[in-house]
């Protein structure tokens, strides 16, 4: 079974009022691309999971432009979405072994989730047009490390 995991698409990171120097990616394009993947997975009857990063004091809401088509919403307090054991339990109980990760940031939360997912035995893929990255130069190194870890990178 397959699942799409949407990571940290919250106001703080991709919203109009975000710190654009800290989070400089093209959010309009990123949101459109992620919404397209959500529709694709929904049309195929696959699972769609949303992950919210819980900051030090609160949880920023999801951006309103993103399609939310399931109630599978989990919070995390560490970079990897697999740091939440409930996510792993859900995936295992539902025989989900193929996961596509989308969201922000390719060098941090998405990248670390990809590495952790592979270590847990999941087949992980990243659709690059659906991954926001703060530091694109650093992401070239991260991307090679992910490829070396057997993460499938889709251009």
Protein backbone atom coordinates (compact mmCIF):
# COMPACT_ATOMS: atom_id res chain seq x y z
CA UNK A 1 0.00 0.00 0.00
CA UNK A 2 1.05 3.59 -0.65
CA UNK A 3 0.82 6.82 1.31
CA UNK A 4 1.61 10.45 0.74
CA UNK A 5 2.95 12.21 3.83
CA UNK A 6 2.70 16.00 3.74
CA UNK A 7 5.26 17.51 6.11
CA UNK A 8 5.01 20.90 7.86
CA UNK A 9 2.91 22.82 5.33
CA UNK A 10 2.05 25.33 8.03
CA UNK A 11 1.59 29.10 8.09
CA UNK A 12 4.87 29.61 9.93
CA UNK A 13 6.89 27.95 7.16
CA UNK A 14 4.98 28.58 3.92
CA UNK A 15 2.29 31.13 4.74
CA UNK A 16 2.14 34.67 3.43
CA UNK A 17 3.35 36.09 6.76
CA UNK A 18 6.32 33.72 7.12
CA UNK A 19 9.83 35.11 7.46
CA UNK A 20 10.71 35.13 3.75
CA UNK A 21 14.44 35.49 4.40
CA UNK A 22 14.37 32.38 6.55
CA UNK A 23 11.96 30.47 4.26
CA UNK A 24 12.68 31.80 0.76
CA UNK A 25 11.10 29.12 -1.44
CA UNK A 26 8.44 29.80 -4.08
CA UNK A 27 5.41 28.90 -1.98
CA UNK A 28 2.82 29.34 -4.74
CA UNK A 29 4.51 26.76 -6.94
CA UNK A 30 5.20 24.46 -3.99
CA UNK A 31 1.58 24.57 -2.84
CA UNK A 32 0.26 23.94 -6.36
CA UNK A 33 2.60 20.99 -6.83
CA UNK A 34 1.72 19.47 -3.46
CA UNK A 35 -2.00 19.93 -4.09
CA UNK A 36 -1.53 18.07 -7.39
CA UNK A 37 0.11 15.17 -5.55
CA UNK A 38 -2.70 15.15 -2.98
CA UNK A 39 -5.28 14.93 -5.79
CA UNK A 40 -3.26 12.16 -7.48
CA UNK A 41 -3.13 10.07 -4.30
CA UNK A 42 -6.78 10.75 -3.51
CA UNK A 43 -7.88 9.68 -7.01
CA UNK A 44 -5.91 6.45 -6.64
CA UNK A 45 -7.48 5.71 -3.25
CA UNK A 46 -4.15 5.91 -1.45
CA UNK A 47 -3.63 7.19 2.08
CA UNK A 48 -2.80 10.85 2.69
CA UNK A 49 -1.24 11.80 6.01
CA UNK A 50 -0.51 15.32 7.23
CA UNK A 51 2.23 16.15 9.71
CA UNK A 52 2.36 19.31 11.80
CA UNK A 53 5.51 20.48 13.48
CA UNK A 54 4.83 21.42 17.07
CA UNK A 55 6.94 24.41 17.96
CA UNK A 56 8.17 25.29 21.41
CA UNK A 57 4.92 26.94 22.45
CA UNK A 58 2.28 26.23 19.82
CA UNK A 59 1.34 24.54 16.57
CA UNK A 60 1.05 26.80 13.55
CA UNK A 61 -2.08 26.00 11.46
CA UNK A 62 -1.88 24.46 8.01
CA UNK A 63 -1.94 26.94 5.15
CA UNK A 64 -5.48 27.48 3.87
CA UNK A 65 -4.40 27.00 0.25
CA UNK A 66 -3.52 23.34 0.84
CA UNK A 67 -6.10 20.66 0.23
CA UNK A 68 -6.82 18.67 3.35
CA UNK A 69 -8.65 15.53 2.28
CA UNK A 70 -8.20 13.24 5.28
CA UNK A 71 -8.35 13.46 9.04
CA UNK A 72 -5.01 11.69 9.38
CA UNK A 73 -3.18 14.56 11.03
CA UNK A 74 -0.28 13.90 13.37
CA UNK A 75 2.03 16.20 15.30
CA UNK A 76 5.75 15.83 15.77
CA UNK A 77 8.20 17.56 18.07
CA UNK A 78 11.37 16.36 16.36
CA UNK A 79 12.45 16.77 12.75
CA UNK A 80 11.45 13.33 11.47
CA UNK A 81 7.77 12.56 11.13
CA UNK A 82 8.70 9.03 12.21
CA UNK A 83 9.63 10.38 15.64
CA UNK A 84 5.89 10.10 16.35
CA UNK A 85 5.36 6.42 17.09
CA UNK A 86 1.65 6.73 16.28
CA UNK A 87 2.59 7.44 12.65
CA UNK A 88 4.67 4.27 12.47
CA UNK A 89 1.92 2.27 14.15
CA UNK A 90 -0.68 3.57 11.69
CA UNK A 91 1.52 2.75 8.69
CA UNK A 92 2.26 -0.76 9.93
CA UNK A 93 -1.35 -1.52 10.90
CA UNK A 94 -2.48 -0.48 7.43
CA UNK A 95 0.27 -2.38 5.56
CA UNK A 96 1.67 0.81 4.07
CA UNK A 97 5.20 0.25 2.85
CA UNK A 98 5.61 2.83 0.05
CA UNK A 99 5.74 6.46 1.15
CA UNK A 100 6.18 9.66 -0.79
CA UNK A 101 7.26 12.61 1.33
CA UNK A 102 6.43 16.19 0.33
CA UNK A 103 6.63 19.51 2.17
CA UNK A 104 9.34 21.51 3.88
CA UNK A 105 12.33 21.48 4.41
CA UNK A 106 14.35 19.15 2.20
CA UNK A 107 17.45 19.55 4.34
CA UNK A 108 15.74 19.14 7.65
CA UNK A 109 12.30 17.66 8.33
CA UNK A 110 11.65 16.05 4.92
CA UNK A 111 15.24 14.86 4.54
CA UNK A 112 15.45 13.48 8.07
CA UNK A 113 12.06 11.82 7.67
CA UNK A 114 13.27 10.18 4.45
CA UNK A 115 16.37 8.78 6.17
CA UNK A 116 14.39 7.57 9.17
CA UNK A 117 11.76 5.97 6.94
CA UNK A 118 14.35 3.97 5.03
CA UNK A 119 15.92 2.83 8.30
CA UNK A 120 12.48 1.61 9.38
CA UNK A 121 12.15 -0.46 6.21
CA UNK A 122 9.79 1.75 4.18
CA UNK A 123 10.29 2.49 0.49
CA UNK A 124 10.66 6.26 0.48
CA UNK A 125 10.44 8.65 -2.46
CA UNK A 126 10.69 12.42 -2.82
CA UNK A 127 9.02 14.29 -5.66
CA UNK A 128 11.49 17.20 -5.88
CA UNK A 129 9.00 19.76 -7.18
CA UNK A 130 7.04 19.14 -3.96
CA UNK A 131 9.90 19.68 -1.53
CA UNK A 132 10.73 23.19 -0.37
CA UNK A 133 14.35 23.76 0.55
CA UNK A 134 15.84 26.70 2.39
CA UNK A 135 19.43 26.08 1.27
CA UNK A 136 19.57 24.64 -2.24
CA UNK A 137 23.37 24.23 -2.24
CA UNK A 138 23.21 22.16 0.92
CA UNK A 139 20.30 20.21 -0.55
CA UNK A 140 22.55 18.94 -3.35
CA UNK A 141 24.59 17.16 -0.67
CA UNK A 142 21.46 16.04 1.19
CA UNK A 143 19.97 14.71 -2.04
CA UNK A 144 23.07 12.61 -2.76
CA UNK A 145 23.02 11.27 0.80
CA UNK A 146 19.35 10.34 0.35
CA UNK A 147 20.10 8.58 -2.94
CA UNK A 148 22.94 6.68 -1.23
CA UNK A 149 20.42 5.66 1.48
CA UNK A 150 18.08 4.23 -1.22
CA UNK A 151 15.56 7.06 -1.24
CA UNK A 152 13.99 7.38 -4.68
CA UNK A 153 14.35 10.91 -6.01
CA UNK A 154 11.80 11.95 -8.64
CA UNK A 155 12.58 15.09 -10.67
